Amino acid sequence: MLMKSIATGLAGTALLATVAFAQSPTATTDKAPPAAAATTTTTTASGEWRASKMAGLKIYNDANENIGSINDLLMDKSGNVKIAVVGVGGFLGMGEHLVAVPYEKLKFVNEAVAYTGTGTGANPGAKPAASTTTGAATGMDKPATTTTTASSSSKWYPDHAVFNASKDELKNMPEFKYSE
């Protein structure tokens, strides 16, 4: 019985291979290539951001405090982003307060900012090795040391956003609810 099953399987495979071979295109004597092959182009969108990467993007205020993260982006019917739904507070999504922030009020920053704090532990005055933190916002009045890498300019999303409010101010905003 086993030999019969194996023989049937091999015969079926050979039959399918013959059908696939019969469908392969034959060489043409035309010198001109097909029109589709001559006009193949690729579309690039360098400098654009992927909306799928914006969800979860951390938001900091001007004092470099983490005040929340983007949960969703809402667009009008013409496709323009109008509102960022921001999650404030909570831990791992529990107890999070959603607020609607006008999208144009967010400032997006592409570069990570180098850590400018002082070290702690055995040598309190020592600076840490050149580590970068994703999310520290640059202030308007104080220059910050930035670390630029080749990949930061080619990312499909910004490093973080800056919004001029404290965490408490965001928590006191009216809660955003999706209408049914």
N, C-alpha and C. Protein backbone atom coordinates (compact mmCIF):
# COMPACT_ATOMS: atom_id res chain seq x y z
N MET A 1 0.82 -1.19 0.00
CA MET A 1 0.00 0.00 0.00
C MET A 1 0.86 1.26 0.00
N LEU A 2 1.97 1.21 0.77
CA LEU A 2 2.87 2.34 0.84
C LEU A 2 3.53 2.61 -0.51
N MET A 3 3.93 1.56 -1.19
CA MET A 3 4.56 1.72 -2.50
C MET A 3 3.59 2.33 -3.51
N LYS A 4 2.31 1.96 -3.39
CA LYS A 4 1.30 2.49 -4.29
C LYS A 4 1.13 3.99 -4.07
N SER A 5 1.15 4.45 -2.80
CA SER A 5 1.01 5.87 -2.48
C SER A 5 2.21 6.66 -2.98
N ILE A 6 3.40 6.10 -2.81
CA ILE A 6 4.61 6.79 -3.27
C ILE A 6 4.61 6.90 -4.78
N ALA A 7 4.22 5.84 -5.47
CA ALA A 7 4.18 5.85 -6.93
C ALA A 7 3.16 6.87 -7.43
N THR A 8 2.00 6.96 -6.76
CA THR A 8 0.98 7.93 -7.14
C THR A 8 1.48 9.35 -6.93
N GLY A 9 2.18 9.59 -5.81
CA GLY A 9 2.73 10.92 -5.53
C GLY A 9 3.75 11.33 -6.56
N LEU A 10 4.64 10.41 -6.94
CA LEU A 10 5.66 10.72 -7.95
C LEU A 10 5.02 10.98 -9.31
N ALA A 11 4.01 10.22 -9.66
CA ALA A 11 3.33 10.43 -10.94
C ALA A 11 2.63 11.78 -10.97
N GLY A 12 2.01 12.17 -9.85
CA GLY A 12 1.34 13.47 -9.78
C GLY A 12 2.33 14.62 -9.87
N THR A 13 3.48 14.47 -9.22
CA THR A 13 4.52 15.50 -9.29
C THR A 13 5.04 15.65 -10.71
N ALA A 14 5.28 14.54 -11.38
CA ALA A 14 5.76 14.59 -12.75
C ALA A 14 4.73 15.24 -13.67
N LEU A 15 3.45 14.95 -13.44
CA LEU A 15 2.40 15.54 -14.25
C LEU A 15 2.35 17.04 -14.07
N LEU A 16 2.45 17.51 -12.80
CA LEU A 16 2.43 18.96 -12.55
C LEU A 16 3.65 19.65 -13.12
N ALA A 17 4.80 19.02 -13.05
CA ALA A 17 6.02 19.61 -13.62
C ALA A 17 5.90 19.74 -15.13
N THR A 18 5.27 18.77 -15.76
CA THR A 18 5.08 18.81 -17.22
C THR A 18 4.16 19.96 -17.59
N VAL A 19 3.10 20.17 -16.82
CA VAL A 19 2.17 21.26 -17.10
C VAL A 19 2.87 22.60 -16.92
N ALA A 20 3.66 22.75 -15.86
CA ALA A 20 4.38 24.01 -15.61
C ALA A 20 5.40 24.26 -16.70
N PHE A 21 6.10 23.21 -17.15
CA PHE A 21 7.08 23.37 -18.21
C PHE A 21 6.42 23.79 -19.52
N ALA A 22 5.24 23.27 -19.79
CA ALA A 22 4.53 23.59 -21.03
C ALA A 22 4.08 25.05 -21.04
N GLN A 23 3.93 25.68 -19.87
CA GLN A 23 3.47 27.06 -19.82
C GLN A 23 4.59 28.08 -19.86
N SER A 24 5.83 27.65 -19.83
CA SER A 24 6.93 28.62 -19.86
C SER A 24 6.98 29.29 -21.22
N PRO A 25 7.28 30.60 -21.26
CA PRO A 25 7.28 31.32 -22.53
C PRO A 25 8.42 30.86 -23.42
N THR A 26 8.18 30.92 -24.71
CA THR A 26 9.21 30.55 -25.68
C THR A 26 9.93 31.81 -26.11
N ALA A 27 11.12 31.67 -26.61
CA ALA A 27 11.91 32.81 -27.08
C ALA A 27 11.27 33.38 -28.33
N THR A 28 11.24 34.70 -28.41
CA THR A 28 10.68 35.34 -29.59
C THR A 28 11.81 35.82 -30.47
N THR A 29 11.52 36.02 -31.71
CA THR A 29 12.54 36.51 -32.64
C THR A 29 12.50 38.02 -32.73
N ASP A 30 11.59 38.69 -31.97
CA ASP A 30 11.54 40.15 -31.94
C ASP A 30 12.81 40.71 -31.34
N LYS A 31 13.27 41.80 -31.86
CA LYS A 31 14.41 42.49 -31.28
C LYS A 31 13.94 43.48 -30.22
N ALA A 32 12.69 43.95 -30.29
CA ALA A 32 12.18 44.96 -29.36
C ALA A 32 11.72 44.29 -28.07
N PRO A 33 12.12 44.83 -26.90
CA PRO A 33 11.65 44.26 -25.64
C PRO A 33 10.19 44.63 -25.42
N PRO A 34 9.49 43.88 -24.59
CA PRO A 34 8.10 44.21 -24.30
C PRO A 34 8.01 45.61 -23.68
N ALA A 35 6.89 46.28 -23.89
CA ALA A 35 6.70 47.66 -23.43
C ALA A 35 6.75 47.76 -21.91
N ALA A 36 6.23 46.78 -21.20
CA ALA A 36 6.20 46.83 -19.74
C ALA A 36 7.61 46.79 -19.16
N ALA A 37 8.49 46.01 -19.77
CA ALA A 37 9.86 45.90 -19.26
C ALA A 37 10.65 47.18 -19.53
N ALA A 38 10.33 47.89 -20.58
CA ALA A 38 11.06 49.09 -20.93
C ALA A 38 10.70 50.27 -20.04
N THR A 39 9.53 50.27 -19.45
CA THR A 39 9.08 51.43 -18.67
C THR A 39 8.95 51.14 -17.18
N THR A 40 9.67 50.17 -16.66
CA THR A 40 9.56 49.90 -15.23
C THR A 40 10.27 51.00 -14.46
N THR A 41 9.57 51.57 -13.49
CA THR A 41 10.13 52.60 -12.63
C THR A 41 9.75 52.28 -11.20
N THR A 42 10.50 52.83 -10.28
CA THR A 42 10.18 52.66 -8.87
C THR A 42 9.83 54.02 -8.29
N THR A 43 8.96 54.01 -7.32
CA THR A 43 8.55 55.23 -6.66
C THR A 43 9.26 55.30 -5.32
N THR A 44 9.88 56.42 -5.04
CA THR A 44 10.52 56.60 -3.74
C THR A 44 9.83 57.74 -3.02
N ALA A 45 9.87 57.68 -1.72
CA ALA A 45 9.25 58.72 -0.89
C ALA A 45 10.24 59.13 0.18
N SER A 46 11.41 59.55 -0.24
CA SER A 46 12.42 59.93 0.75
C SER A 46 11.95 61.19 1.47
N GLY A 47 12.17 61.21 2.77
CA GLY A 47 11.76 62.35 3.58
C GLY A 47 10.34 62.25 4.11
N GLU A 48 9.63 61.20 3.76
CA GLU A 48 8.26 61.02 4.24
C GLU A 48 8.27 60.12 5.46
N TRP A 49 7.25 60.21 6.30
CA TRP A 49 7.15 59.39 7.50
C TRP A 49 6.02 58.38 7.35
N ARG A 50 6.23 57.18 7.87
CA ARG A 50 5.21 56.14 7.85
C ARG A 50 4.26 56.37 9.02
N ALA A 51 2.97 56.40 8.74
CA ALA A 51 1.97 56.60 9.79
C ALA A 51 1.99 55.45 10.79
N SER A 52 2.31 54.25 10.32
CA SER A 52 2.33 53.10 11.22
C SER A 52 3.43 53.23 12.27
N LYS A 53 4.47 53.98 11.99
CA LYS A 53 5.56 54.18 12.94
C LYS A 53 5.28 55.31 13.92
N MET A 54 4.25 56.11 13.68
CA MET A 54 3.95 57.25 14.56
C MET A 54 3.25 56.80 15.84
N ALA A 55 2.51 55.71 15.78
CA ALA A 55 1.84 55.21 17.00
C ALA A 55 2.91 54.74 17.97
N GLY A 56 2.83 55.22 19.20
CA GLY A 56 3.82 54.87 20.22
C GLY A 56 4.97 55.85 20.33
N LEU A 57 5.02 56.84 19.43
CA LEU A 57 6.08 57.83 19.46
C LEU A 57 6.00 58.64 20.75
N LYS A 58 7.10 58.74 21.47
CA LYS A 58 7.11 59.45 22.75
C LYS A 58 7.02 60.95 22.53
N ILE A 59 6.34 61.62 23.48
CA ILE A 59 6.19 63.07 23.44
C ILE A 59 6.82 63.64 24.70
N TYR A 60 7.64 64.65 24.52
CA TYR A 60 8.31 65.34 25.62
C TYR A 60 7.90 66.80 25.61
N ASN A 61 8.03 67.47 26.77
CA ASN A 61 7.77 68.91 26.79
C ASN A 61 9.09 69.65 26.68
N ASP A 62 9.05 70.98 26.76
CA ASP A 62 10.26 71.77 26.60
C ASP A 62 11.25 71.56 27.74
N ALA A 63 10.80 71.01 28.87
CA ALA A 63 11.68 70.73 30.01
C ALA A 63 12.24 69.31 29.96
N ASN A 64 12.16 68.65 28.82
CA ASN A 64 12.67 67.29 28.61
C ASN A 64 11.98 66.24 29.47
N GLU A 65 10.73 66.46 29.86
CA GLU A 65 9.97 65.49 30.63
C GLU A 65 9.09 64.69 29.68
N ASN A 66 9.07 63.37 29.86
CA ASN A 66 8.21 62.51 29.05
C ASN A 66 6.77 62.75 29.52
N ILE A 67 5.91 63.24 28.62
CA ILE A 67 4.54 63.55 29.02
C ILE A 67 3.51 62.62 28.41
N GLY A 68 3.91 61.73 27.53
CA GLY A 68 2.95 60.80 26.93
C GLY A 68 3.48 60.22 25.64
N SER A 69 2.57 59.60 24.88
CA SER A 69 2.93 59.03 23.58
C SER A 69 1.72 59.09 22.65
N ILE A 70 2.00 59.10 21.36
CA ILE A 70 0.93 59.14 20.35
C ILE A 70 0.28 57.77 20.28
N ASN A 71 -1.04 57.74 20.43
CA ASN A 71 -1.79 56.48 20.29
C ASN A 71 -2.41 56.35 18.91
N ASP A 72 -2.80 57.48 18.31
CA ASP A 72 -3.52 57.43 17.04
C ASP A 72 -3.41 58.79 16.36
N LEU A 73 -3.60 58.82 15.06
CA LEU A 73 -3.67 60.05 14.29
C LEU A 73 -5.02 60.09 13.58
N LEU A 74 -5.72 61.23 13.68
CA LEU A 74 -7.02 61.38 13.04
C LEU A 74 -6.91 62.35 11.88
N MET A 75 -7.49 61.96 10.74
CA MET A 75 -7.41 62.76 9.51
C MET A 75 -8.78 63.27 9.12
N ASP A 76 -8.78 64.35 8.34
CA ASP A 76 -10.04 64.79 7.76
C ASP A 76 -10.28 63.99 6.48
N LYS A 77 -11.37 64.25 5.80
CA LYS A 77 -11.73 63.46 4.62
C LYS A 77 -10.79 63.66 3.44
N SER A 78 -10.00 64.74 3.45
CA SER A 78 -9.05 64.95 2.36
C SER A 78 -7.69 64.33 2.65
N GLY A 79 -7.54 63.70 3.83
CA GLY A 79 -6.30 63.01 4.14
C GLY A 79 -5.30 63.80 4.96
N ASN A 80 -5.65 65.01 5.39
CA ASN A 80 -4.74 65.81 6.21
C ASN A 80 -4.89 65.42 7.68
N VAL A 81 -3.76 65.18 8.35
CA VAL A 81 -3.79 64.82 9.77
C VAL A 81 -4.16 66.07 10.56
N LYS A 82 -5.19 65.96 11.38
CA LYS A 82 -5.68 67.09 12.16
C LYS A 82 -5.46 66.93 13.65
N ILE A 83 -5.58 65.70 14.17
CA ILE A 83 -5.54 65.48 15.62
C ILE A 83 -4.62 64.31 15.93
N ALA A 84 -3.83 64.48 16.98
CA ALA A 84 -3.05 63.37 17.53
C ALA A 84 -3.71 62.96 18.83
N VAL A 85 -4.08 61.69 18.94
CA VAL A 85 -4.64 61.18 20.19
C VAL A 85 -3.45 60.74 21.03
N VAL A 86 -3.29 61.39 22.19
CA VAL A 86 -2.13 61.19 23.04
C VAL A 86 -2.54 60.45 24.31
N GLY A 87 -1.79 59.42 24.66
CA GLY A 87 -2.00 58.69 25.90
C GLY A 87 -1.13 59.28 26.98
N VAL A 88 -1.74 59.66 28.11
CA VAL A 88 -1.03 60.30 29.21
C VAL A 88 -1.20 59.45 30.45
N GLY A 89 -0.10 59.26 31.19
CA GLY A 89 -0.17 58.53 32.45
C GLY A 89 -0.36 57.05 32.23
N GLY A 90 -0.66 56.38 33.30
CA GLY A 90 -0.88 54.94 33.22
C GLY A 90 0.42 54.18 33.19
N PHE A 91 0.30 52.87 33.24
CA PHE A 91 1.45 51.99 33.19
C PHE A 91 1.10 50.81 32.32
N LEU A 92 1.84 50.62 31.26
CA LEU A 92 1.61 49.55 30.29
C LEU A 92 0.18 49.57 29.75
N GLY A 93 -0.34 50.76 29.50
CA GLY A 93 -1.67 50.91 28.93
C GLY A 93 -2.81 50.90 29.93
N MET A 94 -2.52 50.58 31.18
CA MET A 94 -3.57 50.55 32.21
C MET A 94 -3.67 51.93 32.86
N GLY A 95 -4.87 52.46 32.94
CA GLY A 95 -5.08 53.76 33.56
C GLY A 95 -4.65 54.93 32.70
N GLU A 96 -4.45 54.69 31.43
CA GLU A 96 -4.01 55.74 30.52
C GLU A 96 -5.18 56.67 30.20
N HIS A 97 -4.91 57.96 30.16
CA HIS A 97 -5.90 58.99 29.87
C HIS A 97 -5.64 59.48 28.44
N LEU A 98 -6.62 59.36 27.55
CA LEU A 98 -6.47 59.80 26.17
C LEU A 98 -6.95 61.24 26.02
N VAL A 99 -6.16 62.06 25.34
CA VAL A 99 -6.54 63.44 25.05
C VAL A 99 -6.27 63.72 23.57
N ALA A 100 -7.04 64.66 23.02
CA ALA A 100 -6.87 65.05 21.63
C ALA A 100 -6.04 66.33 21.58
N VAL A 101 -4.95 66.29 20.83
CA VAL A 101 -4.05 67.42 20.70
C VAL A 101 -4.03 67.83 19.24
N PRO A 102 -4.15 69.13 18.93
CA PRO A 102 -4.04 69.56 17.53
C PRO A 102 -2.67 69.15 16.96
N TYR A 103 -2.68 68.50 15.82
CA TYR A 103 -1.46 67.96 15.23
C TYR A 103 -0.43 69.04 14.95
N GLU A 104 -0.89 70.22 14.54
CA GLU A 104 0.06 71.29 14.20
C GLU A 104 0.78 71.85 15.43
N LYS A 105 0.31 71.51 16.63
CA LYS A 105 0.97 71.96 17.87
C LYS A 105 2.15 71.06 18.25
N LEU A 106 2.28 69.90 17.61
CA LEU A 106 3.39 69.00 17.88
C LEU A 106 4.58 69.40 17.02
N LYS A 107 5.76 69.39 17.62
CA LYS A 107 6.99 69.66 16.89
C LYS A 107 7.76 68.34 16.85
N PHE A 108 8.09 67.85 15.68
CA PHE A 108 8.77 66.57 15.54
C PHE A 108 10.27 66.80 15.40
N VAL A 109 11.04 65.95 16.09
CA VAL A 109 12.49 66.05 16.10
C VAL A 109 13.06 64.75 15.56
N ASN A 110 13.98 64.87 14.60
CA ASN A 110 14.55 63.68 13.96
C ASN A 110 15.74 63.09 14.70
N GLU A 111 16.52 63.90 15.38
CA GLU A 111 17.75 63.42 16.01
C GLU A 111 17.54 63.11 17.48
N ALA A 112 18.25 62.08 17.92
CA ALA A 112 18.29 61.77 19.36
C ALA A 112 19.23 62.78 20.00
N VAL A 113 18.96 63.11 21.23
CA VAL A 113 19.78 64.08 21.94
C VAL A 113 20.70 63.34 22.89
N ALA A 114 21.97 63.74 22.93
CA ALA A 114 22.92 63.08 23.81
C ALA A 114 22.56 63.36 25.27
N TYR A 115 22.81 62.40 26.11
CA TYR A 115 22.54 62.53 27.54
C TYR A 115 23.46 63.59 28.12
N THR A 116 22.89 64.58 28.82
CA THR A 116 23.69 65.68 29.36
C THR A 116 23.74 65.69 30.87
N GLY A 117 23.20 64.67 31.54
CA GLY A 117 23.21 64.61 33.01
C GLY A 117 24.56 64.18 33.53
N THR A 118 24.70 64.17 34.87
CA THR A 118 25.95 63.72 35.47
C THR A 118 25.79 62.30 35.96
N GLY A 119 26.91 61.61 36.07
CA GLY A 119 26.90 60.22 36.51
C GLY A 119 26.68 60.09 38.00
N THR A 120 26.28 58.91 38.45
CA THR A 120 26.11 58.63 39.87
C THR A 120 26.85 57.36 40.20
N GLY A 121 26.97 57.05 41.47
CA GLY A 121 27.61 55.80 41.87
C GLY A 121 28.98 56.06 42.44
N ALA A 122 29.97 55.24 42.06
CA ALA A 122 31.30 55.33 42.62
C ALA A 122 31.97 56.66 42.30
N ASN A 123 31.71 57.19 41.13
CA ASN A 123 32.33 58.45 40.73
C ASN A 123 31.22 59.43 40.36
N PRO A 124 30.66 60.19 41.34
CA PRO A 124 29.48 61.01 41.09
C PRO A 124 29.68 62.09 40.04
N GLY A 125 30.88 62.59 39.84
CA GLY A 125 31.09 63.67 38.87
C GLY A 125 31.38 63.18 37.47
N ALA A 126 31.53 61.87 37.30
CA ALA A 126 31.91 61.35 35.99
C ALA A 126 30.74 61.39 35.03
N LYS A 127 31.06 61.70 33.80
CA LYS A 127 30.03 61.68 32.75
C LYS A 127 29.94 60.27 32.19
N PRO A 128 28.74 59.83 31.83
CA PRO A 128 28.63 58.50 31.22
C PRO A 128 29.26 58.48 29.85
N ALA A 129 29.58 57.30 29.38
CA ALA A 129 30.10 57.15 28.02
C ALA A 129 29.07 57.65 27.04
N ALA A 130 29.48 57.97 25.84
CA ALA A 130 28.63 58.61 24.84
C ALA A 130 27.37 57.82 24.56
N SER A 131 26.42 57.89 25.47
CA SER A 131 25.14 57.21 25.26
C SER A 131 24.12 58.22 24.81
N THR A 132 23.19 57.77 24.02
CA THR A 132 22.12 58.66 23.58
C THR A 132 20.81 58.14 24.12
N THR A 133 19.92 59.06 24.36
CA THR A 133 18.59 58.68 24.80
C THR A 133 17.61 59.08 23.74
N THR A 134 16.74 58.20 23.38
CA THR A 134 15.73 58.54 22.40
C THR A 134 14.61 59.21 23.15
N GLY A 135 14.40 60.46 22.88
CA GLY A 135 13.28 61.10 23.51
C GLY A 135 13.60 62.38 24.21
N ALA A 136 14.82 62.70 24.51
CA ALA A 136 15.09 63.96 25.18
C ALA A 136 14.87 65.10 24.20
N ALA A 137 14.00 66.01 24.53
CA ALA A 137 13.65 67.11 23.63
C ALA A 137 14.64 68.24 23.79
N THR A 138 14.91 68.93 22.71
CA THR A 138 15.81 70.07 22.78
C THR A 138 15.02 71.31 23.16
N GLY A 139 15.55 72.07 24.07
CA GLY A 139 14.91 73.32 24.46
C GLY A 139 15.24 74.41 23.48
N MET A 140 14.46 75.47 23.47
CA MET A 140 14.67 76.56 22.55
C MET A 140 15.83 77.46 22.99
N ASP A 141 16.01 77.63 24.32
CA ASP A 141 16.98 78.58 24.81
C ASP A 141 18.34 77.98 25.13
N LYS A 142 18.47 76.67 25.17
CA LYS A 142 19.75 76.06 25.52
C LYS A 142 20.17 75.09 24.43
N PRO A 143 21.40 75.19 23.97
CA PRO A 143 21.85 74.24 22.95
C PRO A 143 22.10 72.87 23.57
N ALA A 144 21.84 71.84 22.82
CA ALA A 144 22.07 70.48 23.29
C ALA A 144 23.01 69.78 22.33
N THR A 145 23.77 68.86 22.84
CA THR A 145 24.67 68.10 22.01
C THR A 145 23.88 66.99 21.35
N THR A 146 23.91 66.95 20.04
CA THR A 146 23.16 65.91 19.35
C THR A 146 24.13 64.93 18.72
N THR A 147 23.70 63.72 18.63
CA THR A 147 24.48 62.68 17.98
C THR A 147 23.76 62.32 16.69
N THR A 148 24.40 62.59 15.58
CA THR A 148 23.78 62.30 14.29
C THR A 148 24.44 61.09 13.68
N THR A 149 23.65 60.14 13.27
CA THR A 149 24.17 58.96 12.59
C THR A 149 23.59 58.91 11.20
N ALA A 150 24.16 58.07 10.38
CA ALA A 150 23.68 57.96 9.00
C ALA A 150 22.26 57.43 8.95
N SER A 151 21.88 56.58 9.91
CA SER A 151 20.55 55.99 9.87
C SER A 151 19.48 56.98 10.32
N SER A 152 19.84 58.03 11.08
CA SER A 152 18.82 58.95 11.57
C SER A 152 18.18 59.76 10.44
N SER A 153 18.93 60.02 9.38
CA SER A 153 18.36 60.79 8.29
C SER A 153 17.54 59.92 7.34
N SER A 154 17.72 58.60 7.41
CA SER A 154 16.99 57.73 6.49
C SER A 154 15.86 56.98 7.18
N LYS A 155 15.58 57.30 8.45
CA LYS A 155 14.49 56.62 9.15
C LYS A 155 13.16 57.05 8.54
N TRP A 156 12.18 56.20 8.69
CA TRP A 156 10.85 56.48 8.17
C TRP A 156 9.94 57.05 9.24
N TYR A 157 10.50 57.57 10.32
CA TYR A 157 9.71 58.16 11.40
C TYR A 157 10.61 59.09 12.20
N PRO A 158 10.02 60.08 12.89
CA PRO A 158 10.84 60.98 13.71
C PRO A 158 11.27 60.28 15.00
N ASP A 159 12.26 60.84 15.67
CA ASP A 159 12.74 60.26 16.91
C ASP A 159 11.75 60.48 18.05
N HIS A 160 11.20 61.68 18.14
CA HIS A 160 10.23 62.01 19.18
C HIS A 160 9.50 63.30 18.80
N ALA A 161 8.49 63.64 19.60
CA ALA A 161 7.75 64.88 19.38
C ALA A 161 7.86 65.74 20.63
N VAL A 162 7.69 67.04 20.44
CA VAL A 162 7.72 67.99 21.55
C VAL A 162 6.38 68.72 21.58
N PHE A 163 5.78 68.81 22.76
CA PHE A 163 4.52 69.53 22.95
C PHE A 163 4.69 70.40 24.18
N ASN A 164 4.30 71.66 24.09
CA ASN A 164 4.51 72.62 25.16
C ASN A 164 3.42 72.51 26.21
N ALA A 165 3.51 71.52 27.09
CA ALA A 165 2.57 71.33 28.20
C ALA A 165 3.22 70.40 29.21
N SER A 166 2.73 70.43 30.42
CA SER A 166 3.22 69.48 31.43
C SER A 166 2.31 68.25 31.40
N LYS A 167 2.75 67.20 32.07
CA LYS A 167 1.95 65.98 32.15
C LYS A 167 0.63 66.26 32.86
N ASP A 168 0.67 67.09 33.91
CA ASP A 168 -0.56 67.43 34.65
C ASP A 168 -1.52 68.22 33.79
N GLU A 169 -1.00 69.14 32.96
CA GLU A 169 -1.88 69.90 32.06
C GLU A 169 -2.57 68.98 31.06
N LEU A 170 -1.84 68.01 30.54
CA LEU A 170 -2.45 67.05 29.61
C LEU A 170 -3.50 66.19 30.32
N LYS A 171 -3.20 65.74 31.54
CA LYS A 171 -4.16 64.93 32.28
C LYS A 171 -5.44 65.69 32.59
N ASN A 172 -5.33 67.02 32.74
CA ASN A 172 -6.50 67.85 33.05
C ASN A 172 -7.32 68.22 31.82
N MET A 173 -6.81 67.90 30.63
CA MET A 173 -7.59 68.16 29.41
C MET A 173 -8.76 67.19 29.35
N PRO A 174 -9.84 67.55 28.64
CA PRO A 174 -10.97 66.63 28.52
C PRO A 174 -10.54 65.30 27.90
N GLU A 175 -11.08 64.22 28.43
CA GLU A 175 -10.73 62.91 27.92
C GLU A 175 -11.31 62.71 26.53
N PHE A 176 -10.51 62.12 25.65
CA PHE A 176 -10.95 61.84 24.29
C PHE A 176 -11.58 60.46 24.25
N LYS A 177 -12.74 60.36 23.63
CA LYS A 177 -13.44 59.08 23.44
C LYS A 177 -13.79 58.94 21.96
N TYR A 178 -13.59 57.76 21.42
CA TYR A 178 -14.00 57.48 20.05
C TYR A 178 -15.52 57.34 20.04
N SER A 179 -16.19 58.11 19.18
CA SER A 179 -17.64 57.97 19.09
C SER A 179 -17.99 56.77 18.24
N GLU A 180 -19.06 56.13 18.56
CA GLU A 180 -19.47 54.91 17.86
C GLU A 180 -20.25 55.24 16.62
